[in-house]
PDB file of N, CA and C in Angstrom:
ATOM      1  N   MET A   1     -16.775   8.157 -15.213  1.00  0.00           N
ATOM      2  CA  MET A   1     -15.737   8.061 -16.044  1.00  0.00           C
ATOM      3  C   MET A   1     -14.515   7.070 -16.059  1.00  0.00           C
ATOM      4  N   LYS A   2     -13.822   8.019 -15.656  1.00  0.00           N
ATOM      5  CA  LYS A   2     -11.789   8.490 -15.672  1.00  0.00           C
ATOM      6  C   LYS A   2     -11.500   6.940 -14.489  1.00  0.00           C
ATOM      7  N   GLU A   3     -11.986   6.855 -13.601  1.00  0.00           N
ATOM      8  CA  GLU A   3     -11.425   6.344 -12.675  1.00  0.00           C
ATOM      9  C   GLU A   3     -12.290   4.427 -13.622  1.00  0.00           C
ATOM     10  N   LEU A   4     -13.469   4.525 -14.624  1.00  0.00           N
ATOM     11  CA  LEU A   4     -14.192   3.278 -14.518  1.00  0.00           C
ATOM     12  C   LEU A   4     -13.452   2.496 -16.098  1.00  0.00           C
ATOM     13  N   VAL A   5     -12.094   3.876 -17.008  1.00  0.00           N
ATOM     14  CA  VAL A   5     -11.713   3.465 -17.959  1.00  0.00           C
ATOM     15  C   VAL A   5     -10.033   2.929 -16.693  1.00  0.00           C
ATOM     16  N   MET A   6      -9.560   3.374 -16.174  1.00  0.00           N
ATOM     17  CA  MET A   6      -8.774   3.411 -15.857  1.00  0.00           C
ATOM     18  C   MET A   6      -8.935   1.577 -15.279  1.00  0.00           C
ATOM     19  N   LYS A   7      -9.753   1.143 -13.898  1.00  0.00           N
ATOM     20  CA  LYS A   7      -9.973   0.032 -14.163  1.00  0.00           C
ATOM     21  C   LYS A   7      -9.850  -1.076 -15.587  1.00  0.00           C
ATOM     22  N   SER A   8     -10.793  -0.425 -16.418  1.00  0.00           N
ATOM     23  CA  SER A   8     -11.327  -1.641 -17.228  1.00  0.00           C
ATOM     24  C   SER A   8      -9.419  -1.930 -18.082  1.00  0.00           C
ATOM     25  N   LEU A   9      -8.749  -0.060 -18.293  1.00  0.00           N
ATOM     26  CA  LEU A   9      -7.743  -0.924 -18.699  1.00  0.00           C
ATOM     27  C   LEU A   9      -6.572  -1.580 -18.072  1.00  0.00           C
ATOM     28  N   ASP A  10      -6.727  -1.577 -16.686  1.00  0.00           N
ATOM     29  CA  ASP A  10      -6.042  -2.571 -15.801  1.00  0.00           C
ATOM     30  C   ASP A  10      -6.174  -3.941 -15.708  1.00  0.00           C
ATOM     31  N   ARG A  11      -7.754  -4.351 -16.680  1.00  0.00           N
ATOM     32  CA  ARG A  11      -8.042  -5.540 -17.147  1.00  0.00           C
ATOM     33  C   ARG A  11      -7.585  -5.793 -18.750  1.00  0.00           C
ATOM     34  N   ILE A  12      -7.280  -4.956 -19.335  1.00  0.00           N
ATOM     35  CA  ILE A  12      -6.720  -5.002 -20.713  1.00  0.00           C
ATOM     36  C   ILE A  12      -5.224  -4.909 -20.372  1.00  0.00           C
ATOM     37  N   ARG A  13      -4.175  -4.905 -19.411  1.00  0.00           N
ATOM     38  CA  ARG A  13      -3.224  -4.228 -19.079  1.00  0.00           C
ATOM     39  C   ARG A  13      -2.042  -5.967 -19.634  1.00  0.00           C
ATOM     40  N   PRO A  14      -2.692  -6.243 -18.521  1.00  0.00           N
ATOM     41  CA  PRO A  14      -1.165  -7.974 -18.717  1.00  0.00           C
ATOM     42  C   PRO A  14      -1.330  -8.301 -19.870  1.00  0.00           C
ATOM     43  N   ILE A  15      -2.837  -7.917 -21.144  1.00  0.00           N
ATOM     44  CA  ILE A  15      -2.652  -8.632 -23.055  1.00  0.00           C
ATOM     45  C   ILE A  15      -0.900  -7.587 -23.104  1.00  0.00           C
ATOM     46  N   LEU A  16      -1.135  -6.812 -22.726  1.00  0.00           N
ATOM     47  CA  LEU A  16       0.108  -6.168 -24.372  1.00  0.00           C
ATOM     48  C   LEU A  16       1.236  -6.480 -23.113  1.00  0.00           C
ATOM     49  N   GLN A  17       1.386  -6.575 -21.795  1.00  0.00           N
ATOM     50  CA  GLN A  17       2.787  -7.062 -21.000  1.00  0.00           C
ATOM     51  C   GLN A  17       3.275  -8.384 -21.540  1.00  0.00           C
ATOM     52  N   ARG A  18       2.485  -8.688 -22.146  1.00  0.00           N
ATOM     53  CA  ARG A  18       2.476 -10.518 -22.438  1.00  0.00           C
ATOM     54  C   ARG A  18       3.769 -10.351 -23.446  1.00  0.00           C
ATOM     55  N   ASP A  19       3.754  -9.608 -24.039  1.00  0.00           N
ATOM     56  CA  ASP A  19       4.385  -8.802 -25.435  1.00  0.00           C
ATOM     57  C   ASP A  19       5.645  -7.395 -25.290  1.00  0.00           C
ATOM     58  N   GLY A  20       5.343  -6.868 -23.939  1.00  0.00           N
ATOM     59  CA  GLY A  20       6.933  -6.373 -23.753  1.00  0.00           C
ATOM     60  C   GLY A  20       6.026  -5.274 -23.299  1.00  0.00           C
ATOM     61  N   GLY A  21       4.468  -4.893 -23.559  1.00  0.00           N
ATOM     62  CA  GLY A  21       4.500  -3.066 -24.001  1.00  0.00           C
ATOM     63  C   GLY A  21       3.309  -2.618 -23.086  1.00  0.00           C
ATOM     64  N   ASP A  22       2.765  -1.433 -22.929  1.00  0.00           N
ATOM     65  CA  ASP A  22       1.385  -1.214 -21.713  1.00  0.00           C
ATOM     66  C   ASP A  22       0.746  -0.366 -22.797  1.00  0.00           C
ATOM     67  N   VAL A  23      -0.172  -0.092 -22.341  1.00  0.00           N
ATOM     68  CA  VAL A  23      -1.039   1.355 -22.168  1.00  0.00           C
ATOM     69  C   VAL A  23      -0.750   2.129 -21.429  1.00  0.00           C
ATOM     70  N   GLU A  24      -0.780   3.874 -20.796  1.00  0.00           N
ATOM     71  CA  GLU A  24      -0.999   4.806 -20.293  1.00  0.00           C
ATOM     72  C   GLU A  24      -2.090   5.363 -20.725  1.00  0.00           C
ATOM     73  N   LEU A  25      -2.928   5.763 -19.728  1.00  0.00           N
ATOM     74  CA  LEU A  25      -4.164   7.261 -19.527  1.00  0.00           C
ATOM     75  C   LEU A  25      -3.564   8.041 -19.870  1.00  0.00           C
ATOM     76  N   VAL A  26      -4.076   9.281 -20.893  1.00  0.00           N
ATOM     77  CA  VAL A  26      -3.450  10.114 -21.164  1.00  0.00           C
ATOM     78  C   VAL A  26      -4.484  11.600 -20.867  1.00  0.00           C
ATOM     79  N   ASP A  27      -6.086  11.584 -20.992  1.00  0.00           N
ATOM     80  CA  ASP A  27      -6.855  11.717 -20.963  1.00  0.00           C
ATOM     81  C   ASP A  27      -8.649  11.049 -21.810  1.00  0.00           C
ATOM     82  N   VAL A  28      -9.615  11.266 -20.330  1.00  0.00           N
ATOM     83  CA  VAL A  28     -10.851  11.880 -20.827  1.00  0.00           C
ATOM     84  C   VAL A  28     -11.551  12.270 -20.835  1.00  0.00           C
ATOM     85  N   ASN A  29     -11.876  12.574 -21.957  1.00  0.00           N
ATOM     86  CA  ASN A  29     -13.039  14.585 -22.178  1.00  0.00           C
ATOM     87  C   ASN A  29     -14.573  14.028 -22.039  1.00  0.00           C
ATOM     88  N   LYS A  30     -14.649  14.645 -21.890  1.00  0.00           N
ATOM     89  CA  LYS A  30     -16.606  15.192 -21.499  1.00  0.00           C
ATOM     90  C   LYS A  30     -17.073  14.723 -22.650  1.00  0.00           C
ATOM     91  N   ASP A  31     -17.117  14.543 -23.702  1.00  0.00           N
ATOM     92  CA  ASP A  31     -17.617  13.628 -24.802  1.00  0.00           C
ATOM     93  C   ASP A  31     -17.680  12.279 -25.368  1.00  0.00           C
ATOM     94  N   GLY A  32     -17.034  11.740 -23.929  1.00  0.00           N
ATOM     95  CA  GLY A  32     -15.995   9.811 -24.288  1.00  0.00           C
ATOM     96  C   GLY A  32     -15.385   9.657 -25.266  1.00  0.00           C
ATOM     97  N   ILE A  33     -13.934  10.794 -25.355  1.00  0.00           N
ATOM     98  CA  ILE A  33     -13.341  10.179 -25.786  1.00  0.00           C
ATOM     99  C   ILE A  33     -11.518  10.540 -25.275  1.00  0.00           C
ATOM    100  N   VAL A  34     -11.241   8.974 -25.214  1.00  0.00           N
ATOM    101  CA  VAL A  34     -10.375   8.450 -24.671  1.00  0.00           C
ATOM    102  C   VAL A  34      -9.131   8.177 -25.631  1.00  0.00           C
ATOM    103  N   ARG A  35      -8.003   8.954 -24.981  1.00  0.00           N
ATOM    104  CA  ARG A  35      -6.365   8.938 -25.242  1.00  0.00           C
ATOM    105  C   ARG A  35      -5.778   8.589 -24.635  1.00  0.00           C
ATOM    106  N   VAL A  36      -4.358   7.784 -24.652  1.00  0.00           N
ATOM    107  CA  VAL A  36      -4.273   7.151 -24.767  1.00  0.00           C
ATOM    108  C   VAL A  36      -2.417   6.704 -25.193  1.00  0.00           C
ATOM    109  N   ARG A  37      -1.470   6.533 -24.381  1.00  0.00           N
ATOM    110  CA  ARG A  37      -0.081   6.433 -24.499  1.00  0.00           C
ATOM    111  C   ARG A  37       0.385   5.057 -24.785  1.00  0.00           C
ATOM    112  N   MET A  38       0.215   4.122 -26.078  1.00  0.00           N
ATOM    113  CA  MET A  38       0.790   2.219 -25.755  1.00  0.00           C
ATOM    114  C   MET A  38       1.982   3.169 -25.516  1.00  0.00           C
ATOM    115  N   LYS A  39       3.426   1.868 -25.073  1.00  0.00           N
ATOM    116  CA  LYS A  39       4.139   2.105 -23.449  1.00  0.00           C
ATOM    117  C   LYS A  39       5.210   0.835 -24.755  1.00  0.00           C
ATOM    118  N   GLY A  40       6.615   0.721 -23.939  1.00  0.00           N
ATOM    119  CA  GLY A  40       7.320   0.482 -24.583  1.00  0.00           C
ATOM    120  C   GLY A  40       7.205  -0.330 -25.337  1.00  0.00           C
ATOM    121  N   ALA A  41       6.496  -2.263 -26.014  1.00  0.00           N
ATOM    122  CA  ALA A  41       6.708  -2.710 -27.060  1.00  0.00           C
ATOM    123  C   ALA A  41       6.347  -2.638 -27.600  1.00  0.00           C
ATOM    124  N   CYS A  42       4.534  -1.833 -27.465  1.00  0.00           N
ATOM    125  CA  CYS A  42       3.911  -1.286 -28.503  1.00  0.00           C
ATOM    126  C   CYS A  42       3.817   0.088 -29.157  1.00  0.00           C
ATOM    127  N   GLY A  43       4.530   0.672 -28.756  1.00  0.00           N
ATOM    128  CA  GLY A  43       4.600   2.250 -29.069  1.00  0.00           C
ATOM    129  C   GLY A  43       5.648   2.062 -30.227  1.00  0.00           C
ATOM    130  N   ASN A  44       6.266   1.118 -30.246  1.00  0.00           N
ATOM    131  CA  ASN A  44       7.027   1.239 -31.212  1.00  0.00           C
ATOM    132  C   ASN A  44       6.665  -0.106 -32.834  1.00  0.00           C
ATOM    133  N   CYS A  45       5.473  -0.615 -32.285  1.00  0.00           N
ATOM    134  CA  CYS A  45       4.989  -1.345 -33.100  1.00  0.00           C
ATOM    135  C   CYS A  45       4.250  -0.925 -34.224  1.00  0.00           C
ATOM    136  N   PRO A  46       4.594  -1.417 -35.492  1.00  0.00           N
ATOM    137  CA  PRO A  46       3.573  -1.193 -35.902  1.00  0.00           C
ATOM    138  C   PRO A  46       1.571  -1.080 -35.879  1.00  0.00           C
ATOM    139  N   SER A  47       1.749  -2.294 -35.556  1.00  0.00           N
ATOM    140  CA  SER A  47      -0.009  -2.542 -34.903  1.00  0.00           C
ATOM    141  C   SER A  47       0.160  -1.805 -34.313  1.00  0.00           C
ATOM    142  N   ALA A  48      -0.208  -0.688 -33.445  1.00  0.00           N
ATOM    143  CA  ALA A  48      -0.636  -0.282 -32.394  1.00  0.00           C
ATOM    144  C   ALA A  48      -1.869   0.252 -32.436  1.00  0.00           C
ATOM    145  N   MET A  49      -2.038   0.787 -33.439  1.00  0.00           N
ATOM    146  CA  MET A  49      -3.006   1.781 -33.865  1.00  0.00           C
ATOM    147  C   MET A  49      -3.947   0.671 -33.823  1.00  0.00           C
ATOM    148  N   MET A  50      -4.286  -0.747 -34.861  1.00  0.00           N
ATOM    149  CA  MET A  50      -4.906  -1.973 -34.350  1.00  0.00           C
ATOM    150  C   MET A  50      -5.397  -2.315 -32.884  1.00  0.00           C
ATOM    151  N   THR A  51      -4.256  -1.883 -32.656  1.00  0.00           N
ATOM    152  CA  THR A  51      -4.479  -2.753 -30.674  1.00  0.00           C
ATOM    153  C   THR A  51      -5.047  -1.347 -30.237  1.00  0.00           C
ATOM    154  N   ILE A  52      -4.822  -0.052 -30.282  1.00  0.00           N
ATOM    155  CA  ILE A  52      -6.096   0.534 -29.928  1.00  0.00           C
ATOM    156  C   ILE A  52      -7.250   0.412 -29.989  1.00  0.00           C
ATOM    157  N   LYS A  53      -7.585   0.172 -31.442  1.00  0.00           N
ATOM    158  CA  LYS A  53      -8.971   0.483 -32.371  1.00  0.00           C
ATOM    159  C   LYS A  53      -9.382  -1.002 -31.832  1.00  0.00           C
ATOM    160  N   MET A  54      -8.837  -2.246 -31.607  1.00  0.00           N
ATOM    161  CA  MET A  54      -9.798  -3.883 -32.065  1.00  0.00           C
ATOM    162  C   MET A  54      -9.819  -3.852 -30.760  1.00  0.00           C
ATOM    163  N   LEU A  55      -8.456  -3.134 -30.030  1.00  0.00           N
ATOM    164  CA  LEU A  55      -8.598  -3.979 -27.756  1.00  0.00           C
ATOM    165  C   LEU A  55      -9.146  -2.787 -27.367  1.00  0.00           C
ATOM    166  N   ILE A  56      -8.181  -2.224 -27.449  1.00  0.00           N
ATOM    167  CA  ILE A  56      -8.850  -0.913 -26.135  1.00  0.00           C
ATOM    168  C   ILE A  56     -11.045  -0.412 -26.060  1.00  0.00           C
ATOM    169  N   GLU A  57     -10.897   0.300 -27.926  1.00  0.00           N
ATOM    170  CA  GLU A  57     -11.317   0.809 -28.437  1.00  0.00           C
ATOM    171  C   GLU A  57     -12.981  -0.089 -27.602  1.00  0.00           C
ATOM    172  N   GLN A  58     -12.920  -1.890 -28.516  1.00  0.00           N
ATOM    173  CA  GLN A  58     -13.914  -2.013 -28.116  1.00  0.00           C
ATOM    174  C   GLN A  58     -14.669  -2.531 -26.871  1.00  0.00           C
ATOM    175  N   THR A  59     -12.997  -2.924 -26.590  1.00  0.00           N
ATOM    176  CA  THR A  59     -13.486  -3.494 -24.539  1.00  0.00           C
ATOM    177  C   THR A  59     -13.923  -2.173 -23.842  1.00  0.00           C
ATOM    178  N   LEU A  60     -13.312  -0.649 -24.233  1.00  0.00           N
ATOM    179  CA  LEU A  60     -13.928   0.436 -23.481  1.00  0.00           C
ATOM    180  C   LEU A  60     -15.819   0.622 -23.612  1.00  0.00           C
ATOM    181  N   LYS A  61     -15.974   0.891 -24.775  1.00  0.00           N
ATOM    182  CA  LYS A  61     -17.260   0.062 -25.490  1.00  0.00           C
ATOM    183  C   LYS A  61     -17.614   0.269 -24.851  1.00  0.00           C
ATOM    184  N   LYS A  62     -17.914  -2.092 -24.777  1.00  0.00           N
ATOM    185  CA  LYS A  62     -18.088  -2.652 -24.046  1.00  0.00           C
ATOM    186  C   LYS A  62     -18.285  -2.443 -22.815  1.00  0.00           C
ATOM    187  N   GLU A  63     -17.159  -1.784 -21.693  1.00  0.00           N
ATOM    188  CA  GLU A  63     -17.556  -1.702 -20.545  1.00  0.00           C
ATOM    189  C   GLU A  63     -17.672  -0.540 -19.102  1.00  0.00           C
ATOM    190  N   VAL A  64     -17.717   0.544 -19.779  1.00  0.00           N
ATOM    191  CA  VAL A  64     -17.679   2.286 -20.138  1.00  0.00           C
ATOM    192  C   VAL A  64     -18.699   3.064 -20.633  1.00  0.00           C
ATOM    193  N   ILE A  65     -19.571   3.376 -19.933  1.00  0.00           N
ATOM    194  CA  ILE A  65     -21.584   3.229 -20.823  1.00  0.00           C
ATOM    195  C   ILE A  65     -20.267   5.124 -21.432  1.00  0.00           C
ATOM    196  N   GLY A  66     -20.479   6.195 -22.116  1.00  0.00           N
ATOM    197  CA  GLY A  66     -19.823   7.254 -23.183  1.00  0.00           C
ATOM    198  C   GLY A  66     -19.264   7.138 -23.338  1.00  0.00           C
ATOM    199  N   VAL A  67     -18.791   6.071 -23.225  1.00  0.00           N
ATOM    200  CA  VAL A  67     -17.120   6.615 -24.252  1.00  0.00           C
ATOM    201  C   VAL A  67     -17.418   5.895 -25.888  1.00  0.00           C
ATOM    202  N   LYS A  68     -16.910   6.906 -26.654  1.00  0.00           N
ATOM    203  CA  LYS A  68     -17.461   6.842 -28.099  1.00  0.00           C
ATOM    204  C   LYS A  68     -15.843   6.509 -29.038  1.00  0.00           C
ATOM    205  N   GLU A  69     -14.906   7.267 -28.451  1.00  0.00           N
ATOM    206  CA  GLU A  69     -13.978   6.944 -29.153  1.00  0.00           C
ATOM    207  C   GLU A  69     -12.767   6.626 -28.330  1.00  0.00           C
ATOM    208  N   VAL A  70     -11.651   5.749 -28.705  1.00  0.00           N
ATOM    209  CA  VAL A  70     -10.103   6.119 -28.460  1.00  0.00           C
ATOM    210  C   VAL A  70      -9.288   5.934 -29.302  1.00  0.00           C
ATOM    211  N   ILE A  71      -8.027   7.329 -29.136  1.00  0.00           N
ATOM    212  CA  ILE A  71      -7.022   7.817 -29.624  1.00  0.00           C
ATOM    213  C   ILE A  71      -5.747   7.816 -28.786  1.00  0.00           C
ATOM    214  N   GLY A  72      -4.458   7.249 -29.637  1.00  0.00           N
ATOM    215  CA  GLY A  72      -3.329   6.401 -29.782  1.00  0.00           C
ATOM    216  C   GLY A  72      -2.250   8.344 -30.068  1.00  0.00           C
ATOM    217  N   VAL A  73      -2.461   9.110 -28.629  1.00  0.00           N
ATOM    218  CA  VAL A  73      -1.112  10.018 -28.545  1.00  0.00           C
ATOM    219  C   VAL A  73       0.023   9.405 -28.709  1.00  0.00           C
TER     220      VAL A  73
END
């Protein structure tokens, strides 16, 4: 599952990079919980949690079977 999550994040990454941000995969556990760290401009952005839930989590749930939740760390 981790490899599929990484591939999906690679497709999301250009959207974040346009605004000076990025995302780093921290962990994927067996329960389908994905932990990510927002970087660059996204690391300090007040909307980072919304980006995690509305963009990253929704995309991963659609593209990777077994993803239950995405958490920012």
